[in-house]
Amino acid sequence: MLIGISLLVGIAVAAYDRTHGSAVVGIEILTFIGMALFLLAICVGGVTLLTIKKAYSPDPTARKDQALVVGGIYGYVRHPMYTALILVGAGVPLRCLLSWYLP
């Protein structure tokens, strides 16, 4: 729930920042990097869901019939969903809220 609220606040601040002018001018490369991180996060999250298929559950407790997934993206990254969240957390502010990163 806290993540949802923070995303709504981020959208409101981004809209205000875009309508009233950004505090940082001329740094389009950071906006591009932010969008690339965001798209990478979507890809990592999607591949993760495709890899675990029916084993996905929002409940963190293990079931008796559940097996450890070690193939696919899990062979490279131990927690790919958390990695996707970290990439979104880095990409969205660069893309939308650039003025928060730089003084």
C-alpha atoms as a PDB file:
ATOM      1  CA  MET A   1       0.000   0.000   0.000  1.00  0.00           C
ATOM      2  CA  LEU A   2       2.853   2.356   0.819  1.00  0.00           C
ATOM      3  CA  ILE A   3       4.381   1.748  -2.609  1.00  0.00           C
ATOM      4  CA  GLY A   4       1.070   2.636  -4.282  1.00  0.00           C
ATOM      5  CA  ILE A   5       0.791   5.861  -2.311  1.00  0.00           C
ATOM      6  CA  SER A   6       4.386   6.804  -3.099  1.00  0.00           C
ATOM      7  CA  LEU A   7       3.779   6.194  -6.813  1.00  0.00           C
ATOM      8  CA  LEU A   8       0.697   8.438  -6.756  1.00  0.00           C
ATOM      9  CA  VAL A   9       2.651  11.172  -4.984  1.00  0.00           C
ATOM     10  CA  GLY A  10       5.471  10.740  -7.500  1.00  0.00           C
ATOM     11  CA  ILE A  11       3.056  11.152 -10.407  1.00  0.00           C
ATOM     12  CA  ALA A  12       1.584  14.302  -8.863  1.00  0.00           C
ATOM     13  CA  VAL A  13       5.025  15.808  -8.276  1.00  0.00           C
ATOM     14  CA  ALA A  14       6.121  14.848 -11.797  1.00  0.00           C
ATOM     15  CA  ALA A  15       3.049  16.509 -13.276  1.00  0.00           C
ATOM     16  CA  TYR A  16       3.709  19.672 -11.254  1.00  0.00           C
ATOM     17  CA  ASP A  17       7.371  19.616 -12.256  1.00  0.00           C
ATOM     18  CA  ARG A  18       6.488  19.266 -15.956  1.00  0.00           C
ATOM     19  CA  THR A  19       3.827  21.996 -15.958  1.00  0.00           C
ATOM     20  CA  HIS A  20       5.853  24.538 -13.993  1.00  0.00           C
ATOM     21  CA  GLY A  21       9.216  23.806 -15.600  1.00  0.00           C
ATOM     22  CA  SER A  22      11.965  21.511 -14.481  1.00  0.00           C
ATOM     23  CA  ALA A  23      14.604  22.762 -12.083  1.00  0.00           C
ATOM     24  CA  VAL A  24      17.263  21.136 -14.263  1.00  0.00           C
ATOM     25  CA  VAL A  25      17.609  22.156 -17.896  1.00  0.00           C
ATOM     26  CA  GLY A  26      19.712  20.503 -20.591  1.00  0.00           C
ATOM     27  CA  ILE A  27      20.315  17.072 -19.092  1.00  0.00           C
ATOM     28  CA  GLU A  28      18.291  14.871 -21.444  1.00  0.00           C
ATOM     29  CA  ILE A  29      20.722  11.953 -21.152  1.00  0.00           C
ATOM     30  CA  LEU A  30      19.595  11.331 -17.565  1.00  0.00           C
ATOM     31  CA  THR A  31      15.994  11.191 -18.749  1.00  0.00           C
ATOM     32  CA  PHE A  32      17.022   8.632 -21.373  1.00  0.00           C
ATOM     33  CA  ILE A  33      18.894   6.569 -18.760  1.00  0.00           C
ATOM     34  CA  GLY A  34      15.857   6.681 -16.472  1.00  0.00           C
ATOM     35  CA  MET A  35      13.583   5.423 -19.229  1.00  0.00           C
ATOM     36  CA  ALA A  36      16.063   2.670 -20.103  1.00  0.00           C
ATOM     37  CA  LEU A  37      16.193   1.539 -16.451  1.00  0.00           C
ATOM     38  CA  PHE A  38      12.412   1.549 -16.272  1.00  0.00           C
ATOM     39  CA  LEU A  39      12.081  -0.546 -19.444  1.00  0.00           C
ATOM     40  CA  LEU A  40      14.775  -2.927 -18.196  1.00  0.00           C
ATOM     41  CA  ALA A  41      12.812  -3.334 -14.959  1.00  0.00           C
ATOM     42  CA  ILE A  42       9.670  -4.237 -16.910  1.00  0.00           C
ATOM     43  CA  CYS A  43      11.630  -6.836 -18.877  1.00  0.00           C
ATOM     44  CA  VAL A  44      13.243  -8.344 -15.758  1.00  0.00           C
ATOM     45  CA  GLY A  45       9.879  -8.521 -13.983  1.00  0.00           C
ATOM     46  CA  GLY A  46       8.190 -10.098 -17.002  1.00  0.00           C
ATOM     47  CA  VAL A  47      10.916 -12.699 -17.499  1.00  0.00           C
ATOM     48  CA  THR A  48      10.735 -13.508 -13.791  1.00  0.00           C
ATOM     49  CA  LEU A  49       7.002 -14.144 -13.945  1.00  0.00           C
ATOM     50  CA  LEU A  50       7.441 -16.295 -17.049  1.00  0.00           C
ATOM     51  CA  THR A  51      10.202 -18.275 -15.344  1.00  0.00           C
ATOM     52  CA  ILE A  52       8.346 -19.133 -12.142  1.00  0.00           C
ATOM     53  CA  LYS A  53       4.894 -19.531 -13.808  1.00  0.00           C
ATOM     54  CA  LYS A  54       2.558 -21.294 -11.374  1.00  0.00           C
ATOM     55  CA  ALA A  55       5.019 -21.118  -8.477  1.00  0.00           C
ATOM     56  CA  TYR A  56       4.333 -17.379  -8.091  1.00  0.00           C
ATOM     57  CA  SER A  57       2.486 -16.458  -4.920  1.00  0.00           C
ATOM     58  CA  PRO A  58       2.244 -13.166  -3.065  1.00  0.00           C
ATOM     59  CA  ASP A  59       2.420 -15.176   0.170  1.00  0.00           C
ATOM     60  CA  PRO A  60       6.110 -15.615   1.104  1.00  0.00           C
ATOM     61  CA  THR A  61       5.635 -18.922   2.938  1.00  0.00           C
ATOM     62  CA  ALA A  62       6.799 -22.045   1.106  1.00  0.00           C
ATOM     63  CA  ARG A  63       4.318 -24.751   0.202  1.00  0.00           C
ATOM     64  CA  LYS A  64       5.100 -28.427   0.757  1.00  0.00           C
ATOM     65  CA  ASP A  65       4.984 -29.227  -2.960  1.00  0.00           C
ATOM     66  CA  GLN A  66       6.990 -26.174  -3.992  1.00  0.00           C
ATOM     67  CA  ALA A  67      10.412 -26.661  -5.583  1.00  0.00           C
ATOM     68  CA  LEU A  68      13.280 -24.194  -5.682  1.00  0.00           C
ATOM     69  CA  VAL A  69      13.506 -22.434  -9.054  1.00  0.00           C
ATOM     70  CA  VAL A  70      17.110 -22.276 -10.243  1.00  0.00           C
ATOM     71  CA  GLY A  71      16.683 -22.016 -14.025  1.00  0.00           C
ATOM     72  CA  GLY A  72      16.083 -19.049 -16.283  1.00  0.00           C
ATOM     73  CA  ILE A  73      16.770 -15.641 -14.795  1.00  0.00           C
ATOM     74  CA  TYR A  74      17.149 -17.204 -11.344  1.00  0.00           C
ATOM     75  CA  GLY A  75      20.408 -18.732 -12.575  1.00  0.00           C
ATOM     76  CA  TYR A  76      21.850 -15.198 -12.879  1.00  0.00           C
ATOM     77  CA  VAL A  77      20.044 -13.151 -10.222  1.00  0.00           C
ATOM     78  CA  ARG A  78      19.007 -14.459  -6.827  1.00  0.00           C
ATOM     79  CA  HIS A  79      16.029 -12.103  -6.395  1.00  0.00           C
ATOM     80  CA  PRO A  80      14.992 -10.792  -9.825  1.00  0.00           C
ATOM     81  CA  MET A  81      11.703  -9.248  -8.630  1.00  0.00           C
ATOM     82  CA  TYR A  82      13.583  -7.164  -6.074  1.00  0.00           C
ATOM     83  CA  THR A  83      16.084  -6.266  -8.787  1.00  0.00           C
ATOM     84  CA  ALA A  84      13.214  -5.049 -10.960  1.00  0.00           C
ATOM     85  CA  LEU A  85      11.885  -2.925  -8.081  1.00  0.00           C
ATOM     86  CA  ILE A  86      15.324  -1.397  -7.522  1.00  0.00           C
ATOM     87  CA  LEU A  87      15.593  -0.574 -11.231  1.00  0.00           C
ATOM     88  CA  VAL A  88      12.156   1.082 -11.164  1.00  0.00           C
ATOM     89  CA  GLY A  89      13.176   2.988  -8.040  1.00  0.00           C
ATOM     90  CA  ALA A  90      16.232   4.329  -9.845  1.00  0.00           C
ATOM     91  CA  GLY A  91      14.618   4.871 -13.237  1.00  0.00           C
ATOM     92  CA  VAL A  92      11.374   6.656 -12.383  1.00  0.00           C
ATOM     93  CA  PRO A  93      12.970   9.575 -10.528  1.00  0.00           C
ATOM     94  CA  LEU A  94      15.498  10.040 -13.320  1.00  0.00           C
ATOM     95  CA  ARG A  95      12.733   9.947 -15.926  1.00  0.00           C
ATOM     96  CA  CYS A  96      10.035  11.966 -14.189  1.00  0.00           C
ATOM     97  CA  LEU A  97      11.526  13.721 -11.206  1.00  0.00           C
ATOM     98  CA  LEU A  98      14.926  14.784 -12.442  1.00  0.00           C
ATOM     99  CA  SER A  99      14.932  17.840 -10.209  1.00  0.00           C
ATOM    100  CA  TRP A 100      15.060  15.601  -7.112  1.00  0.00           C
ATOM    101  CA  TYR A 101      18.435  14.129  -8.139  1.00  0.00           C
ATOM    102  CA  LEU A 102      20.354  17.296  -8.787  1.00  0.00           C
ATOM    103  CA  PRO A 103      20.525  20.502  -6.717  1.00  0.00           C
END
